[in-house]
Amino acid sequence: MTDTQTQDRVADATADIKAEVHDRLDDAKHAASDAARRTADAIEANPLAIVAGGIAIGALAGALIPRSAKEKQLLAPLGRSLGERARSAVAAAREAGATELQNAGLSKDAAKDQVKSLFQGIAKAATTAGSAAAQSARAKD
């Protein structure tokens, strides 16, 4: 093989490689463009899911990143305050709910009476159905 032939083969191979690289780059550009368009469409179609995903990622990052001593020092009083407020709110809601249930006549005793009455009704219905079935069987004999 001569130097000219070798040069021609190298030039052809280089041209083929350049063309292949160019084609691959075009494919990658189109794929990236399509992915960006699909992402934009998804955001427009369901923005709340994106917000929820962002919140979830933020919460995960917050949980995984260790707190510094300064953060603990600054946030401890806030955490205690929020905890106390939450406990107070739960207690107030429980008390208000119990009051409303009592005003509506729904106490523990009333609920027990209603359940007892329900079971008595079910027992009576079962007894009546059993008696009717027995009478029907006797009538056929």
Protein backbone atom coordinates (compact mmCIF):
# COMPACT_ATOMS: atom_id res chain seq x y z
CA MET A 1 0.00 0.00 0.00
CA THR A 2 1.35 3.39 -0.93
CA ASP A 3 1.42 6.54 1.12
CA THR A 4 -1.27 8.05 -1.06
CA GLN A 5 -3.56 5.09 -0.54
CA THR A 6 -2.94 5.20 3.19
CA GLN A 7 -3.67 8.91 3.28
CA ASP A 8 -6.87 8.37 1.30
CA ARG A 9 -8.00 5.62 3.67
CA VAL A 10 -7.23 7.78 6.71
CA ALA A 11 -9.06 10.73 5.14
CA ASP A 12 -12.07 8.52 4.34
CA ALA A 13 -12.11 7.07 7.85
CA THR A 14 -11.80 10.55 9.35
CA ALA A 15 -14.66 11.80 7.18
CA ASP A 16 -16.79 8.82 8.21
CA ILE A 17 -16.04 9.44 11.89
CA LYS A 18 -16.85 13.15 11.52
CA ALA A 19 -20.14 12.34 9.81
CA GLU A 20 -21.02 9.79 12.51
CA VAL A 21 -20.17 12.25 15.29
CA HIS A 22 -22.23 14.95 13.56
CA ASP A 23 -25.20 12.57 13.24
CA ARG A 24 -24.92 11.54 16.90
CA LEU A 25 -24.75 15.19 17.99
CA ASP A 26 -27.85 16.00 15.95
CA ASP A 27 -29.66 13.03 17.50
CA ALA A 28 -28.62 14.17 20.98
CA LYS A 29 -29.78 17.74 20.28
CA HIS A 30 -33.16 16.50 19.05
CA ALA A 31 -33.54 14.18 22.05
CA ALA A 32 -32.69 17.00 24.47
CA SER A 33 -35.09 19.34 22.69
CA ASP A 34 -37.86 16.73 22.82
CA ALA A 35 -37.20 16.06 26.51
CA ALA A 36 -37.33 19.79 27.29
CA ARG A 37 -40.60 20.13 25.37
CA ARG A 38 -42.14 17.11 27.13
CA THR A 39 -41.04 18.49 30.50
CA ALA A 40 -42.55 21.88 29.74
CA ASP A 41 -45.79 20.20 28.62
CA ALA A 42 -45.89 18.14 31.82
CA ILE A 43 -45.35 21.24 33.94
CA GLU A 44 -48.14 23.07 32.13
CA ALA A 45 -50.47 20.07 32.38
CA ASN A 46 -49.89 19.39 36.08
CA PRO A 47 -48.12 22.21 37.92
CA LEU A 48 -49.23 20.98 41.35
CA ALA A 49 -47.37 17.71 40.87
CA ILE A 50 -44.20 19.67 40.13
CA VAL A 51 -44.71 21.79 43.26
CA ALA A 52 -45.34 18.66 45.34
CA GLY A 53 -42.25 17.04 43.87
CA GLY A 54 -40.19 20.12 44.69
CA ILE A 55 -41.47 20.12 48.25
CA ALA A 56 -40.69 16.42 48.59
CA ILE A 57 -37.17 16.92 47.27
CA GLY A 58 -36.67 19.85 49.64
CA ALA A 59 -37.93 17.84 52.60
CA LEU A 60 -35.67 14.94 51.67
CA ALA A 61 -32.68 17.24 51.35
CA GLY A 62 -33.53 18.85 54.67
CA ALA A 63 -33.76 15.46 56.32
CA LEU A 64 -30.48 14.22 54.87
CA ILE A 65 -28.37 17.32 55.49
CA PRO A 66 -27.19 17.31 59.11
CA ARG A 67 -28.13 20.25 61.31
CA SER A 68 -25.36 22.43 62.60
CA ALA A 69 -25.01 23.31 66.26
CA LYS A 70 -26.02 26.89 65.45
CA GLU A 71 -29.21 25.70 63.73
CA LYS A 72 -30.07 23.53 66.71
CA GLN A 73 -29.44 26.43 69.07
CA LEU A 74 -31.56 28.85 67.04
CA LEU A 75 -34.39 26.46 66.14
CA ALA A 76 -34.85 24.68 69.49
CA PRO A 77 -37.01 27.44 71.03
CA LEU A 78 -39.09 27.64 67.86
CA GLY A 79 -39.61 23.86 67.89
CA ARG A 80 -40.72 23.92 71.52
CA SER A 81 -43.08 26.82 70.84
CA LEU A 82 -44.59 25.12 67.80
CA GLY A 83 -44.99 21.86 69.72
CA GLU A 84 -46.78 23.61 72.58
CA ARG A 85 -49.07 25.44 70.16
CA ALA A 86 -49.87 22.21 68.33
CA ARG A 87 -50.68 20.41 71.59
CA SER A 88 -52.91 23.31 72.65
CA ALA A 89 -54.68 23.30 69.28
CA VAL A 90 -55.28 19.54 69.45
CA ALA A 91 -56.63 19.82 72.99
CA ALA A 92 -58.94 22.69 72.01
CA ALA A 93 -60.18 20.78 68.96
CA ARG A 94 -60.79 17.66 71.04
CA GLU A 95 -62.72 19.66 73.64
CA ALA A 96 -64.78 21.48 71.01
CA GLY A 97 -65.56 18.21 69.25
CA ALA A 98 -66.62 16.54 72.48
CA THR A 99 -68.86 19.50 73.31
CA GLU A 100 -70.48 19.37 69.88
CA LEU A 101 -71.07 15.63 70.19
CA GLN A 102 -72.66 16.10 73.61
CA ASN A 103 -74.86 18.91 72.27
CA ALA A 104 -76.00 16.58 69.50
CA GLY A 105 -76.78 13.90 72.08
CA LEU A 106 -73.91 11.69 71.01
CA SER A 107 -72.15 10.60 74.17
CA LYS A 108 -70.44 7.31 74.95
CA ASP A 109 -73.54 6.12 76.80
CA ALA A 110 -75.82 7.19 73.95
CA ALA A 111 -73.60 5.40 71.44
CA LYS A 112 -73.64 2.24 73.58
CA ASP A 113 -77.43 2.44 73.79
CA GLN A 114 -77.68 2.84 70.02
CA VAL A 115 -75.41 -0.16 69.41
CA LYS A 116 -77.40 -2.22 71.93
CA SER A 117 -80.65 -1.22 70.24
CA LEU A 118 -79.17 -2.10 66.85
CA PHE A 119 -78.12 -5.57 68.01
CA GLN A 120 -81.55 -6.14 69.60
CA GLY A 121 -83.16 -5.17 66.29
CA ILE A 122 -80.88 -7.55 64.40
CA ALA A 123 -81.65 -10.36 66.85
CA LYS A 124 -85.39 -9.72 66.54
CA ALA A 125 -85.15 -9.70 62.73
CA ALA A 126 -83.18 -12.96 62.78
CA THR A 127 -85.72 -14.56 65.13
CA THR A 128 -88.63 -13.42 62.98
CA ALA A 129 -86.93 -14.68 59.83
CA GLY A 130 -86.21 -18.03 61.49
CA SER A 131 -89.83 -18.37 62.64
CA ALA A 132 -91.11 -17.51 59.18
CA ALA A 133 -88.80 -20.08 57.62
CA ALA A 134 -89.94 -22.74 60.09
CA GLN A 135 -93.63 -21.99 59.46
CA SER A 136 -93.03 -22.09 55.72
CA ALA A 137 -91.34 -25.48 56.05
CA ARG A 138 -94.23 -26.83 58.16
CA ALA A 139 -96.79 -25.55 55.69
CA LYS A 140 -95.14 -27.48 52.87
CA ASP A 141 -95.39 -30.76 54.82
